Every structure is written in structure tokens, then in C-alpha cells.
Amino acid sequence: MPADHHYERIQAQDGGSFDAYCAIPSSGNGPGVVVFQEIFGINDNMRGLANRLATEGYVALVPDMFWRIEPRFERKDESGIGDAFAVVQQFDATLGALDIAATHAHLLDMAECSGKVGVIGFCLGGALAFNAAATSRVDGRGPDAAVCYYGSAINDMLGLADAITCPTMYHYGNTDVFIPEENIAAVEQAVASRAGVEFHRYEAGHAFSNWDAPSMYNAEAAELSWDRTLAFFAKHLSS
């Protein structure tokens, strides 16, 4: 477990405020990582990932991206997928981009954050991490590294690829029923010429990293991708 975990309150750029789960490392400070949720909200899986990052020395912050629709929306696993899809259909990506930038700024302003900030996201969050890398700027500064896990909506954002200046890592399953092979190939082609890109595929399906969704979880792919992610962050977020 991290040394401390709690919810931060973040001021939205257009008024109001929202919660973000925060996990602090035992050192009390470290590089920051914004963790973007799957469609199930900030659930045990997302909190667990933030805690794991904190044990590796990162200040992890998981913003509630559904706060405008249903604050603290949370479903545990596949049993809540109908509710999750209903919420996703109401999600406003333009307003979401404002919340991404607000979270980025909040993390940089935290005393516990030592300076560099990475972003990581899963499923819906994979696309949000891609968006953050392309568009989130705080005093002209973008994220220092981005990791995108099976972000199906990335294909709708490929026009932003040239705006990404930080190193990026991508994880996809070869048997993902939600992201066709041609879509994965299109993302790989769009980012291939960018500096610092790592692109990985696994013999696994969608949401293979989510240990809280038994029908989707693939332990081998989850652990290998996580090891690669930690190595990537260590390389690009260390001072």
C-alpha cells in the first residue's frame, strides 16, 4: 500500500470541482502520474493501479472523468458494463479535455510532485492519455511520457498524433473484440515516425490488464505490459 491515499479536490476550468483519487509514495514525493479510468469509473482496479504506482515512487492521481454525469460513478466489473456504456454515451470529450488539463495542472502544483508528470490510461482512459499527450499544456508544458492501453477511441484522434511531443507507449491485445486489427494497425502507422514510441501487442483480448474483470483479465499480458510500463516511466520520468 502507498504511504497515504485520499481524494484530492480539483477545480474545473469552467466552474465546479471534481474528485481525484491520490496515492502518495513512502518517500513523500516523486514524479507524478495521471491515471485515466476505464469505463467502470474509479473502482478497485483503478485505485489498485494508482497504489502500485505509489509503491514504485510515483505520486498517482486518478481524476473522476464522469463527474459531470454521475460523480464517483463506479462499477466493479463486466456486470456493470451496461451502466458504464450508458454513462460513456453522455461523456463530452471537449469538456473532458478541460478536466484533463485541470488535473495535469493540479498534480504539477502539488508539493508532493517533484516535477515530471506522466499519463497512463486504460480503455476509455487509453484515449484520454493520448489526448492528454497531444493537447494538455500547463504553462506551455505537456506531459513527459504517455502510456495508452487499448484505447479504442484513439482512432478518432489520429489527427492529433503530430501534436504529441513526449515519448509514448501503446499496449494492445491481438484478440481484442472491441478494436479491430486494422484499427490497431492504423494507430501503429500514425505514430511510427514519432520519436520515443514503443508499440506492443499481446496474445490477449480487450481490458487484459483489469484483474477485477475475470473474463477479460490475462495475467501474463498484464504483468509483462506493467513491467514494460514501469521501465518506460523510470526512463522518462526520473529526474
Foldseek 3Di string as FASTA:
>chain_A
DAPDWDWDWFAFPVGDIAIKIKGAHPVLAEAEEEEEEALQFCEPQNNVVRNVVNPVPYIYIYTGQLVVPPHRRHDQAPVCVVVSVVSVVVRDVVSSLRVLLRVVVVLCPDPRHPHAYEYEYAACGLLVQVSQQQDRADVRDGHQEYEGEPHQCVLVVLVSLVSGQHAYEYEAEPAEPSHDPVSLVVSCVSNVPHPNYHYDYHPAYGPCLRPSYVVGHDVVSNVVVVVVVSVSCCVRRDD
